[in-house]
Amino acid sequence: MTDIVKRNARAILLDGDELVLIKRTKPGRKPYWVSVGGGVEEDDATIEAALHREVFEELGGKLERAELVHLITDELERGIGVQHIFAARLESMDLAVRTGTEFAKPERGGYEVVRVPFTAEAVRELNLMPPELADFIAANTDAIVSVLDLPIREA
């Protein structure tokens, strides 16, 4: 079995009927869009906890709900990378309190928070990275909404 050497937690983040994304701009490269999220760190209690931390760092945001809906694996030099994709609803956002270190590094380019309609057509029009995520979202918009509309089960 190949070792998992990197994990990410990412959100298909809905606010009402809009998808919240980050538009990345870098010198010499066409703009592209990414979902909110990032690397799971050693001090994250769970992968979902990493997602909540990333949402706060990147958006000053809090999630109302998050449900794991998809995995994307990548072959890396030293093993496998796994991106844990959550469907999530945004409870609140305050960009003035976001804390991600990337915002203090102009050489990393721009990070603009954008909203697009949560439709297959709108997602297909974007250069959303990774392409596997764009394909998954476009093929499953109704299913993603239905997962978030299910009642929360009590443990």
N, C-alpha and C. Protein backbone atom coordinates (compact mmCIF):
# COMPACT_ATOMS: atom_id res chain seq x y z
N MET A 1 0.84 -1.19 0.00
CA MET A 1 0.00 0.00 0.00
C MET A 1 0.88 1.25 0.00
N THR A 2 0.54 2.20 -0.83
CA THR A 2 1.28 3.45 -0.92
C THR A 2 0.89 4.37 0.24
N ASP A 3 1.87 5.05 0.81
CA ASP A 3 1.62 5.94 1.93
C ASP A 3 0.90 7.22 1.50
N ILE A 4 -0.01 7.67 2.35
CA ILE A 4 -0.62 8.99 2.15
C ILE A 4 0.32 10.00 2.79
N VAL A 5 0.86 10.89 1.97
CA VAL A 5 1.87 11.83 2.45
C VAL A 5 1.34 13.26 2.58
N LYS A 6 0.15 13.49 2.07
CA LYS A 6 -0.43 14.84 2.14
C LYS A 6 -1.95 14.71 2.14
N ARG A 7 -2.59 15.51 3.01
CA ARG A 7 -4.05 15.57 3.04
C ARG A 7 -4.47 17.03 2.98
N ASN A 8 -5.55 17.27 2.23
CA ASN A 8 -6.18 18.58 2.18
C ASN A 8 -7.65 18.43 2.53
N ALA A 9 -8.21 19.48 3.09
CA ALA A 9 -9.65 19.55 3.34
C ALA A 9 -10.17 20.75 2.56
N ARG A 10 -11.13 20.52 1.67
CA ARG A 10 -11.64 21.59 0.82
C ARG A 10 -13.17 21.61 0.91
N ALA A 11 -13.75 22.78 0.66
CA ALA A 11 -15.20 22.93 0.77
C ALA A 11 -15.82 23.31 -0.57
N ILE A 12 -16.88 22.60 -0.92
CA ILE A 12 -17.82 23.09 -1.93
C ILE A 12 -18.75 23.94 -1.08
N LEU A 13 -18.44 25.21 -0.98
CA LEU A 13 -19.00 26.10 0.03
C LEU A 13 -20.18 26.89 -0.52
N LEU A 14 -21.36 26.60 0.03
CA LEU A 14 -22.57 27.28 -0.42
C LEU A 14 -23.00 28.34 0.58
N ASP A 15 -23.40 29.47 0.03
CA ASP A 15 -24.03 30.54 0.81
C ASP A 15 -25.32 30.85 0.07
N GLY A 16 -26.43 30.33 0.59
CA GLY A 16 -27.69 30.42 -0.15
C GLY A 16 -27.58 29.59 -1.40
N ASP A 17 -27.85 30.21 -2.57
CA ASP A 17 -27.75 29.47 -3.83
C ASP A 17 -26.50 29.87 -4.61
N GLU A 18 -25.49 30.34 -3.88
CA GLU A 18 -24.23 30.72 -4.52
C GLU A 18 -23.08 29.87 -3.99
N LEU A 19 -22.11 29.64 -4.86
CA LEU A 19 -20.89 28.92 -4.52
C LEU A 19 -19.82 29.96 -4.22
N VAL A 20 -19.18 29.84 -3.06
CA VAL A 20 -18.12 30.76 -2.66
C VAL A 20 -16.78 30.13 -3.03
N LEU A 21 -16.01 30.86 -3.82
CA LEU A 21 -14.71 30.40 -4.31
C LEU A 21 -13.66 31.49 -4.10
N ILE A 22 -12.42 31.12 -4.36
CA ILE A 22 -11.33 32.10 -4.34
C ILE A 22 -10.76 32.18 -5.74
N LYS A 23 -10.74 33.39 -6.28
CA LYS A 23 -10.15 33.62 -7.61
C LYS A 23 -8.67 33.94 -7.38
N ARG A 24 -7.82 33.12 -7.99
CA ARG A 24 -6.38 33.28 -7.86
C ARG A 24 -5.83 33.98 -9.08
N THR A 25 -5.04 34.99 -8.84
CA THR A 25 -4.36 35.68 -9.93
C THR A 25 -2.88 35.71 -9.60
N LYS A 26 -2.08 35.29 -10.59
CA LYS A 26 -0.63 35.28 -10.43
C LYS A 26 -0.03 35.90 -11.69
N PRO A 27 1.05 36.65 -11.53
CA PRO A 27 1.68 37.24 -12.72
C PRO A 27 2.07 36.16 -13.73
N GLY A 28 1.74 36.42 -14.99
CA GLY A 28 2.11 35.52 -16.07
C GLY A 28 1.25 34.28 -16.19
N ARG A 29 0.14 34.23 -15.48
CA ARG A 29 -0.74 33.06 -15.54
C ARG A 29 -2.19 33.52 -15.64
N LYS A 30 -2.98 32.79 -16.41
CA LYS A 30 -4.40 33.11 -16.50
C LYS A 30 -5.06 32.89 -15.14
N PRO A 31 -6.05 33.71 -14.79
CA PRO A 31 -6.74 33.51 -13.50
C PRO A 31 -7.36 32.11 -13.43
N TYR A 32 -7.42 31.61 -12.22
CA TYR A 32 -8.09 30.34 -11.97
C TYR A 32 -8.79 30.43 -10.62
N TRP A 33 -9.70 29.51 -10.39
CA TRP A 33 -10.51 29.52 -9.17
C TRP A 33 -10.21 28.26 -8.38
N VAL A 34 -10.27 28.39 -7.04
CA VAL A 34 -10.09 27.24 -6.16
C VAL A 34 -11.17 27.28 -5.10
N SER A 35 -11.44 26.10 -4.55
CA SER A 35 -12.37 26.03 -3.43
C SER A 35 -11.64 26.46 -2.16
N VAL A 36 -12.40 26.84 -1.17
CA VAL A 36 -11.83 27.23 0.11
C VAL A 36 -11.30 25.98 0.79
N GLY A 37 -10.12 26.07 1.37
CA GLY A 37 -9.55 24.95 2.09
C GLY A 37 -8.05 24.89 1.93
N GLY A 38 -7.46 23.85 2.48
CA GLY A 38 -6.02 23.71 2.40
C GLY A 38 -5.54 22.50 3.17
N GLY A 39 -4.27 22.52 3.50
CA GLY A 39 -3.62 21.37 4.09
C GLY A 39 -4.08 21.05 5.50
N VAL A 40 -4.15 19.75 5.78
CA VAL A 40 -4.43 19.27 7.14
C VAL A 40 -3.10 19.31 7.88
N GLU A 41 -3.11 19.95 9.05
CA GLU A 41 -1.89 20.10 9.84
C GLU A 41 -1.89 19.10 10.99
N GLU A 42 -0.71 18.82 11.52
CA GLU A 42 -0.57 17.83 12.59
C GLU A 42 -1.43 18.14 13.81
N ASP A 43 -1.62 19.42 14.11
CA ASP A 43 -2.39 19.76 15.32
C ASP A 43 -3.89 19.86 15.06
N ASP A 44 -4.34 19.57 13.84
CA ASP A 44 -5.78 19.50 13.57
C ASP A 44 -6.32 18.20 14.16
N ALA A 45 -7.36 18.29 14.98
CA ALA A 45 -7.91 17.10 15.63
C ALA A 45 -8.49 16.11 14.63
N THR A 46 -9.13 16.64 13.57
CA THR A 46 -9.74 15.81 12.53
C THR A 46 -9.59 16.52 11.20
N ILE A 47 -9.93 15.83 10.14
CA ILE A 47 -9.90 16.46 8.82
C ILE A 47 -10.96 17.55 8.75
N GLU A 48 -12.13 17.30 9.34
CA GLU A 48 -13.17 18.33 9.35
C GLU A 48 -12.73 19.54 10.17
N ALA A 49 -12.00 19.32 11.26
CA ALA A 49 -11.48 20.44 12.05
C ALA A 49 -10.53 21.28 11.20
N ALA A 50 -9.74 20.62 10.36
CA ALA A 50 -8.85 21.35 9.45
C ALA A 50 -9.66 22.23 8.50
N LEU A 51 -10.78 21.70 8.01
CA LEU A 51 -11.64 22.48 7.13
C LEU A 51 -12.15 23.74 7.84
N HIS A 52 -12.63 23.58 9.05
CA HIS A 52 -13.14 24.73 9.80
C HIS A 52 -12.02 25.77 10.01
N ARG A 53 -10.82 25.31 10.33
CA ARG A 53 -9.69 26.23 10.50
C ARG A 53 -9.39 26.97 9.20
N GLU A 54 -9.36 26.24 8.10
CA GLU A 54 -9.06 26.85 6.80
C GLU A 54 -10.13 27.88 6.41
N VAL A 55 -11.40 27.57 6.65
CA VAL A 55 -12.48 28.51 6.33
C VAL A 55 -12.30 29.79 7.14
N PHE A 56 -11.90 29.66 8.40
CA PHE A 56 -11.67 30.86 9.20
C PHE A 56 -10.45 31.62 8.68
N GLU A 57 -9.35 30.92 8.39
CA GLU A 57 -8.15 31.59 7.91
C GLU A 57 -8.38 32.32 6.59
N GLU A 58 -9.10 31.69 5.66
CA GLU A 58 -9.25 32.25 4.32
C GLU A 58 -10.41 33.22 4.18
N LEU A 59 -11.44 33.08 5.02
CA LEU A 59 -12.64 33.92 4.87
C LEU A 59 -13.03 34.66 6.14
N GLY A 60 -12.38 34.36 7.26
CA GLY A 60 -12.92 34.82 8.54
C GLY A 60 -14.30 34.21 8.73
N GLY A 61 -14.46 32.98 8.23
CA GLY A 61 -15.78 32.36 8.17
C GLY A 61 -16.00 31.24 9.15
N LYS A 62 -17.28 30.98 9.37
CA LYS A 62 -17.73 29.84 10.17
C LYS A 62 -18.69 29.03 9.33
N LEU A 63 -18.63 27.71 9.51
CA LEU A 63 -19.51 26.82 8.77
C LEU A 63 -20.73 26.47 9.60
N GLU A 64 -21.86 26.42 8.93
CA GLU A 64 -23.09 25.95 9.55
C GLU A 64 -23.10 24.42 9.56
N ARG A 65 -22.56 23.84 8.49
CA ARG A 65 -22.61 22.39 8.32
C ARG A 65 -21.56 21.97 7.29
N ALA A 66 -20.99 20.78 7.49
CA ALA A 66 -20.05 20.22 6.52
C ALA A 66 -20.24 18.71 6.46
N GLU A 67 -20.32 18.19 5.24
CA GLU A 67 -20.49 16.75 5.02
C GLU A 67 -19.49 16.29 3.97
N LEU A 68 -18.72 15.26 4.29
CA LEU A 68 -17.77 14.70 3.33
C LEU A 68 -18.54 14.09 2.16
N VAL A 69 -18.20 14.51 0.93
CA VAL A 69 -18.94 14.01 -0.24
C VAL A 69 -18.05 13.41 -1.33
N HIS A 70 -16.73 13.62 -1.25
CA HIS A 70 -15.89 13.17 -2.36
C HIS A 70 -14.43 13.14 -1.92
N LEU A 71 -13.65 12.29 -2.57
CA LEU A 71 -12.21 12.26 -2.38
C LEU A 71 -11.54 12.38 -3.75
N ILE A 72 -10.45 13.11 -3.79
CA ILE A 72 -9.63 13.19 -4.99
C ILE A 72 -8.23 12.76 -4.56
N THR A 73 -7.65 11.82 -5.29
CA THR A 73 -6.30 11.38 -4.96
C THR A 73 -5.34 11.82 -6.06
N ASP A 74 -4.14 12.12 -5.62
CA ASP A 74 -3.09 12.58 -6.54
C ASP A 74 -1.83 11.77 -6.25
N GLU A 75 -1.17 11.31 -7.30
CA GLU A 75 0.12 10.66 -7.12
C GLU A 75 1.18 11.73 -6.98
N LEU A 76 1.85 11.71 -5.85
CA LEU A 76 2.91 12.66 -5.56
C LEU A 76 4.25 11.94 -5.59
N GLU A 77 5.32 12.70 -5.52
CA GLU A 77 6.66 12.11 -5.61
C GLU A 77 6.90 11.05 -4.53
N ARG A 78 6.47 11.31 -3.29
CA ARG A 78 6.76 10.41 -2.18
C ARG A 78 5.57 9.54 -1.77
N GLY A 79 4.45 9.64 -2.47
CA GLY A 79 3.28 8.85 -2.09
C GLY A 79 2.01 9.43 -2.68
N ILE A 80 0.93 9.32 -1.92
CA ILE A 80 -0.39 9.75 -2.39
C ILE A 80 -0.83 11.00 -1.63
N GLY A 81 -1.46 11.91 -2.35
CA GLY A 81 -2.13 13.05 -1.74
C GLY A 81 -3.62 12.83 -1.83
N VAL A 82 -4.33 13.14 -0.74
CA VAL A 82 -5.78 12.97 -0.72
C VAL A 82 -6.42 14.30 -0.40
N GLN A 83 -7.35 14.71 -1.26
CA GLN A 83 -8.15 15.90 -1.01
C GLN A 83 -9.53 15.43 -0.56
N HIS A 84 -9.87 15.80 0.67
CA HIS A 84 -11.17 15.46 1.25
C HIS A 84 -12.11 16.61 0.91
N ILE A 85 -13.12 16.34 0.11
CA ILE A 85 -14.02 17.38 -0.38
C ILE A 85 -15.32 17.31 0.42
N PHE A 86 -15.62 18.42 1.09
CA PHE A 86 -16.83 18.53 1.89
C PHE A 86 -17.83 19.44 1.19
N ALA A 87 -19.10 19.07 1.24
CA ALA A 87 -20.17 20.02 0.92
C ALA A 87 -20.41 20.78 2.22
N ALA A 88 -20.50 22.10 2.14
CA ALA A 88 -20.64 22.89 3.36
C ALA A 88 -21.50 24.11 3.12
N ARG A 89 -22.14 24.55 4.21
CA ARG A 89 -22.91 25.80 4.18
C ARG A 89 -22.19 26.82 5.05
N LEU A 90 -22.11 28.03 4.53
CA LEU A 90 -21.47 29.13 5.24
C LEU A 90 -22.46 29.73 6.23
N GLU A 91 -22.03 29.84 7.48
CA GLU A 91 -22.86 30.48 8.50
C GLU A 91 -22.59 31.98 8.55
N SER A 92 -21.30 32.34 8.52
CA SER A 92 -20.92 33.75 8.57
C SER A 92 -19.54 33.92 7.95
N MET A 93 -19.25 35.18 7.58
CA MET A 93 -17.96 35.50 6.97
C MET A 93 -17.63 36.95 7.27
N ASP A 94 -16.37 37.20 7.65
CA ASP A 94 -15.88 38.55 7.89
C ASP A 94 -14.44 38.61 7.38
N LEU A 95 -14.28 39.08 6.15
CA LEU A 95 -12.95 39.09 5.53
C LEU A 95 -11.94 39.92 6.31
N ALA A 96 -12.40 40.84 7.15
CA ALA A 96 -11.49 41.68 7.93
C ALA A 96 -10.73 40.88 8.99
N VAL A 97 -11.24 39.70 9.35
CA VAL A 97 -10.57 38.92 10.40
C VAL A 97 -9.87 37.67 9.87
N ARG A 98 -9.81 37.51 8.56
CA ARG A 98 -9.13 36.32 8.05
C ARG A 98 -7.64 36.39 8.40
N THR A 99 -7.04 35.22 8.57
CA THR A 99 -5.69 35.18 9.14
C THR A 99 -4.69 34.40 8.30
N GLY A 100 -5.06 33.92 7.15
CA GLY A 100 -4.15 33.10 6.36
C GLY A 100 -2.85 33.82 6.04
N THR A 101 -1.73 33.10 6.18
CA THR A 101 -0.42 33.71 5.94
C THR A 101 -0.23 34.12 4.48
N GLU A 102 -0.96 33.48 3.58
CA GLU A 102 -0.80 33.80 2.16
C GLU A 102 -1.17 35.23 1.82
N PHE A 103 -2.03 35.87 2.63
CA PHE A 103 -2.48 37.22 2.32
C PHE A 103 -1.38 38.26 2.57
N ALA A 104 -0.36 37.89 3.34
CA ALA A 104 0.73 38.81 3.63
C ALA A 104 1.90 38.64 2.66
N LYS A 105 1.72 37.81 1.64
CA LYS A 105 2.80 37.52 0.70
C LYS A 105 2.38 37.92 -0.72
N PRO A 106 2.62 39.18 -1.10
CA PRO A 106 2.18 39.64 -2.43
C PRO A 106 2.75 38.81 -3.57
N GLU A 107 3.91 38.19 -3.38
CA GLU A 107 4.51 37.38 -4.44
C GLU A 107 3.67 36.14 -4.76
N ARG A 108 2.74 35.77 -3.87
CA ARG A 108 1.87 34.62 -4.11
C ARG A 108 0.67 34.98 -4.97
N GLY A 109 0.50 36.27 -5.29
CA GLY A 109 -0.60 36.69 -6.15
C GLY A 109 -1.84 37.07 -5.37
N GLY A 110 -2.94 37.25 -6.11
CA GLY A 110 -4.19 37.70 -5.51
C GLY A 110 -5.09 36.57 -5.08
N TYR A 111 -5.87 36.84 -4.02
CA TYR A 111 -6.85 35.90 -3.48
C TYR A 111 -8.16 36.66 -3.33
N GLU A 112 -8.98 36.64 -4.37
CA GLU A 112 -10.24 37.38 -4.33
C GLU A 112 -11.40 36.42 -4.06
N VAL A 113 -12.17 36.72 -3.02
CA VAL A 113 -13.35 35.90 -2.72
C VAL A 113 -14.44 36.28 -3.71
N VAL A 114 -14.98 35.27 -4.39
CA VAL A 114 -16.02 35.50 -5.38
C VAL A 114 -17.19 34.54 -5.13
N ARG A 115 -18.33 34.94 -5.64
CA ARG A 115 -19.54 34.10 -5.57
C ARG A 115 -20.04 33.89 -6.99
N VAL A 116 -20.42 32.66 -7.26
CA VAL A 116 -21.00 32.34 -8.56
C VAL A 116 -22.27 31.54 -8.31
N PRO A 117 -23.22 31.58 -9.24
CA PRO A 117 -24.42 30.76 -9.07
C PRO A 117 -24.02 29.29 -8.94
N PHE A 118 -24.69 28.56 -8.07
CA PHE A 118 -24.37 27.15 -7.90
C PHE A 118 -25.14 26.34 -8.94
N THR A 119 -24.64 26.42 -10.16
CA THR A 119 -25.21 25.66 -11.28
C THR A 119 -24.06 24.99 -12.03
N ALA A 120 -24.38 23.90 -12.70
CA ALA A 120 -23.38 23.21 -13.50
C ALA A 120 -22.80 24.14 -14.57
N GLU A 121 -23.68 24.95 -15.17
CA GLU A 121 -23.23 25.85 -16.24
C GLU A 121 -22.22 26.87 -15.72
N ALA A 122 -22.50 27.47 -14.57
CA ALA A 122 -21.59 28.48 -14.01
C ALA A 122 -20.25 27.86 -13.65
N VAL A 123 -20.27 26.66 -13.08
CA VAL A 123 -19.02 26.00 -12.69
C VAL A 123 -18.20 25.65 -13.93
N ARG A 124 -18.85 25.19 -14.98
CA ARG A 124 -18.13 24.81 -16.21
C ARG A 124 -17.48 26.01 -16.89
N GLU A 125 -17.99 27.21 -16.67
CA GLU A 125 -17.42 28.41 -17.29
C GLU A 125 -16.12 28.85 -16.62
N LEU A 126 -15.85 28.35 -15.42
CA LEU A 126 -14.67 28.76 -14.68
C LEU A 126 -13.49 27.84 -14.96
N ASN A 127 -12.31 28.36 -14.73
CA ASN A 127 -11.11 27.54 -14.74
C ASN A 127 -10.89 27.09 -13.30
N LEU A 128 -11.78 26.20 -12.82
CA LEU A 128 -11.76 25.74 -11.43
C LEU A 128 -10.76 24.60 -11.29
N MET A 129 -9.87 24.73 -10.32
CA MET A 129 -8.84 23.73 -10.07
C MET A 129 -9.12 22.99 -8.77
N PRO A 130 -8.84 21.72 -8.74
CA PRO A 130 -8.43 20.86 -9.85
C PRO A 130 -9.63 20.55 -10.75
N PRO A 131 -9.37 20.22 -12.01
CA PRO A 131 -10.48 19.94 -12.94
C PRO A 131 -11.40 18.83 -12.46
N GLU A 132 -10.86 17.85 -11.71
CA GLU A 132 -11.70 16.77 -11.18
C GLU A 132 -12.78 17.31 -10.25
N LEU A 133 -12.44 18.36 -9.51
CA LEU A 133 -13.42 18.96 -8.61
C LEU A 133 -14.50 19.67 -9.42
N ALA A 134 -14.10 20.39 -10.45
CA ALA A 134 -15.07 21.07 -11.31
C ALA A 134 -16.03 20.05 -11.92
N ASP A 135 -15.49 18.94 -12.40
CA ASP A 135 -16.33 17.89 -13.00
C ASP A 135 -17.31 17.31 -11.98
N PHE A 136 -16.81 17.04 -10.77
CA PHE A 136 -17.66 16.48 -9.72
C PHE A 136 -18.80 17.44 -9.37
N ILE A 137 -18.48 18.71 -9.19
CA ILE A 137 -19.51 19.69 -8.84
C ILE A 137 -20.54 19.79 -9.95
N ALA A 138 -20.08 19.96 -11.19
CA ALA A 138 -21.00 20.13 -12.32
C ALA A 138 -21.92 18.93 -12.49
N ALA A 139 -21.43 17.74 -12.19
CA ALA A 139 -22.24 16.53 -12.34
C ALA A 139 -23.17 16.28 -11.16
N ASN A 140 -22.96 16.99 -10.04
CA ASN A 140 -23.68 16.64 -8.81
C ASN A 140 -24.29 17.83 -8.07
N THR A 141 -24.63 18.91 -8.75
CA THR A 141 -25.14 20.08 -8.02
C THR A 141 -26.38 19.76 -7.21
N ASP A 142 -27.34 19.05 -7.78
CA ASP A 142 -28.56 18.71 -7.03
C ASP A 142 -28.26 17.80 -5.84
N ALA A 143 -27.39 16.82 -6.04
CA ALA A 143 -27.04 15.89 -4.96
C ALA A 143 -26.33 16.62 -3.82
N ILE A 144 -25.46 17.56 -4.15
CA ILE A 144 -24.73 18.31 -3.12
C ILE A 144 -25.72 19.11 -2.27
N VAL A 145 -26.66 19.78 -2.92
CA VAL A 145 -27.67 20.54 -2.18
C VAL A 145 -28.50 19.60 -1.31
N SER A 146 -28.86 18.44 -1.85
CA SER A 146 -29.70 17.52 -1.08
C SER A 146 -28.98 16.99 0.16
N VAL A 147 -27.68 16.76 0.07
CA VAL A 147 -26.91 16.31 1.23
C VAL A 147 -26.98 17.36 2.34
N LEU A 148 -26.86 18.62 1.96
CA LEU A 148 -26.87 19.69 2.96
C LEU A 148 -28.27 19.99 3.48
N ASP A 149 -29.29 19.57 2.76
CA ASP A 149 -30.66 19.79 3.21
C ASP A 149 -31.21 18.67 4.08
N LEU A 150 -30.48 17.55 4.16
CA LEU A 150 -30.92 16.45 5.03
C LEU A 150 -30.82 16.87 6.48
N PRO A 151 -31.75 16.40 7.32
CA PRO A 151 -31.64 16.72 8.74
C PRO A 151 -30.34 16.16 9.32
N ILE A 152 -29.78 16.86 10.28
CA ILE A 152 -28.57 16.39 10.95
C ILE A 152 -28.95 15.28 11.91
N ARG A 153 -28.24 14.15 11.79
CA ARG A 153 -28.50 13.02 12.70
C ARG A 153 -27.85 13.27 14.04
N GLU A 154 -28.55 12.96 15.07
CA GLU A 154 -27.98 13.05 16.42
C GLU A 154 -27.19 11.79 16.70
N ALA A 155 -26.07 11.94 17.36
CA ALA A 155 -25.21 10.78 17.68
C ALA A 155 -25.78 9.96 18.81
